[in-house]
Protein backbone atom coordinates (compact mmCIF):
# COMPACT_ATOMS: atom_id res chain seq x y z
CA MET A 1 121.07 12.27 272.98
CA ARG A 2 122.37 8.72 273.15
CA SER A 3 123.51 6.66 276.04
CA VAL A 4 122.38 8.92 278.84
CA GLY A 5 122.73 6.76 281.90
CA GLU A 6 121.95 6.95 285.55
CA GLY A 7 122.17 5.02 288.79
CA THR A 8 122.67 5.71 292.45
CA ASP A 9 125.84 5.51 294.46
CA ARG A 10 124.32 4.90 297.91
CA ARG A 11 127.66 5.42 299.66
CA SER A 12 127.79 9.11 298.76
CA ASP A 13 124.02 9.62 298.33
CA ARG A 14 124.52 11.01 294.85
CA THR A 15 123.32 9.99 291.45
CA THR A 16 125.99 8.62 289.13
CA GLY A 17 126.23 6.99 285.71
CA GLY A 18 124.83 3.54 285.04
CA ALA A 19 122.64 1.58 282.66
CA GLY A 20 120.65 3.68 280.20
CA SER A 21 116.88 3.67 280.33
CA GLY A 22 115.85 5.68 277.31
CA GLY A 23 115.71 5.93 273.56
CA THR A 24 118.11 7.26 271.00
CA GLY A 25 119.05 10.63 269.61
CA ASP A 26 122.02 12.95 269.63
CA PRO A 27 122.08 16.67 270.44
CA GLY A 28 123.71 18.42 267.54
CA GLY A 29 124.78 15.13 265.94
CA SER A 30 128.02 15.20 267.95
CA GLY A 31 128.24 11.60 269.22
CA ALA A 32 127.39 9.61 272.36
CA VAL A 33 126.57 11.45 275.57
CA GLU A 34 126.45 9.90 279.02
CA ALA A 35 125.17 12.01 281.91
CA LEU A 36 126.53 11.27 285.34
CA PRO A 37 124.39 13.45 287.64
CA GLU A 38 125.82 14.16 291.06
CA GLN A 39 123.21 15.84 293.21
CA GLY A 40 120.75 18.65 293.64
CA ARG A 41 120.89 21.30 296.33
CA GLU A 42 118.68 24.20 297.25
CA VAL A 43 119.95 27.76 296.83
CA GLY A 44 117.46 30.25 298.19
CA ARG A 45 114.17 29.24 296.58
CA ASP A 46 115.86 27.52 293.60
CA ARG A 47 117.15 23.99 293.26
CA VAL A 48 120.55 23.52 291.63
CA PHE A 49 121.38 20.29 289.85
CA THR A 50 125.07 19.57 289.28
CA GLY A 51 126.34 16.65 287.26
CA ARG A 52 129.19 15.24 285.22
CA VAL A 53 128.61 14.39 281.59
CA ARG A 54 130.66 12.01 279.52
CA HIS A 55 130.54 13.02 275.85
CA ASN A 56 132.71 11.16 273.33
CA GLY A 57 134.81 9.83 276.19
CA GLU A 58 135.44 13.24 277.77
CA GLU A 59 133.85 14.16 281.08
CA THR A 60 132.60 17.69 281.75
CA SER A 61 130.48 19.26 284.46
CA VAL A 62 126.99 20.64 283.87
CA SER A 63 124.57 22.40 286.15
CA GLY A 64 121.11 23.85 285.98
CA ARG A 65 118.87 25.93 288.19
CA GLY A 66 115.12 25.48 288.53
CA ASN A 67 112.25 25.51 290.98
CA GLY A 68 112.65 21.77 291.65
CA LEU A 69 114.74 18.75 290.81
CA LEU A 70 113.28 18.07 287.36
CA SER A 71 113.31 21.69 286.21
CA SER A 72 116.97 22.00 287.27
CA VAL A 73 117.84 18.81 285.33
CA LEU A 74 116.02 20.25 282.30
CA ALA A 75 118.06 23.45 282.64
CA ALA A 76 121.31 21.43 282.81
CA LEU A 77 120.36 19.51 279.65
CA ARG A 78 119.39 22.74 277.89
CA ASP A 79 122.49 24.69 278.93
CA GLY A 80 124.92 21.81 278.46
CA PHE A 81 123.59 20.28 275.24
CA GLY A 82 120.96 22.56 273.77
CA VAL A 83 118.29 19.91 274.45
CA GLU A 84 114.97 21.74 274.84
CA LEU A 85 112.33 19.74 276.71
CA ASP A 86 109.13 20.77 278.44
CA ILE A 87 107.42 18.34 280.79
CA VAL A 88 103.83 17.79 279.63
CA ASP A 89 102.88 15.12 282.17
CA TYR A 90 104.55 13.34 285.08
CA SER A 91 103.35 10.48 287.25
CA GLU A 92 104.78 7.95 289.64
CA HIS A 93 103.66 4.89 291.53
CA ALA A 94 105.02 2.12 293.72
CA ILE A 95 106.03 -1.31 292.44
CA GLY A 96 105.84 -3.97 295.13
CA HIS A 97 105.37 -3.48 298.83
CA GLY A 98 107.27 -3.51 302.07
CA SER A 99 111.04 -3.15 302.08
CA ASP A 100 111.30 -4.30 298.45
CA VAL A 101 109.18 -1.46 297.03
CA GLN A 102 110.48 0.51 294.06
CA ALA A 103 109.29 3.78 292.56
CA ALA A 104 108.34 3.99 288.88
CA ALA A 105 108.27 7.47 287.34
CA TYR A 106 106.87 8.38 283.93
CA VAL A 107 107.59 11.58 281.98
CA GLU A 108 105.85 12.85 278.87
CA ALA A 109 107.80 15.73 277.36
CA ARG A 110 107.64 18.01 274.33
CA THR A 111 110.82 18.71 272.36
CA GLY A 112 111.73 22.13 271.00
CA ASP A 113 110.37 21.09 267.59
CA GLY A 114 107.04 19.96 269.10
CA ARG A 115 107.53 16.18 269.17
CA ILE A 116 106.11 14.28 272.15
CA ILE A 117 108.52 11.82 273.78
CA PHE A 118 108.39 9.62 276.87
CA GLY A 119 110.75 8.37 279.54
CA VAL A 120 110.44 5.82 282.34
CA GLY A 121 112.63 5.45 285.40
CA ILE A 122 112.61 2.86 288.15
CA ASP A 123 114.60 2.97 291.37
CA THR A 124 114.16 2.43 295.10
CA ASP A 125 114.47 6.21 295.47
CA VAL A 126 111.66 8.27 293.91
CA ALA A 127 113.94 11.24 293.09
CA THR A 128 116.38 8.97 291.26
CA ALA A 129 113.49 7.29 289.43
CA SER A 130 112.27 10.74 288.36
CA VAL A 131 115.68 11.78 287.04
CA ARG A 132 115.99 8.43 285.24
CA ALA A 133 112.61 9.03 283.57
CA LEU A 134 113.68 12.50 282.43
CA LEU A 135 117.02 11.23 281.13
CA GLY A 136 115.17 8.45 279.33
CA ALA A 137 113.03 11.08 277.60
CA ALA A 138 116.17 13.10 276.78
CA ASN A 139 117.62 9.99 275.12
CA ALA A 140 114.66 10.03 272.75
CA ALA A 141 115.07 13.75 271.93
């Protein structure tokens, strides 16, 4: 997957497209992909992630269901692009202090063919940082 981007539109409290944070790759060899995630919501005990994806200049909607934010993003990537990732390790920590603090999230993931890849995301919102880290790993898939 190439050019998967993310950011946060604070006015609507949803995640939208922005600067990429990951590596390179391309699901199915079909060209550039840019994910523009919108938001996650809970349905019963599941979390549903819904997003818009720009692929070769065309925007489509994707969604995934999981037991949390990251698992629902993984489901959206799998269902929308055939990108198989399993999270092996996840961690986060604060950068800075006070009102200027940012969250840094780190994801170690295993691809469907067994490769280990990594992603890093930084944002003032820990959920957005986590999604950025996962999208960064997806870029390397």
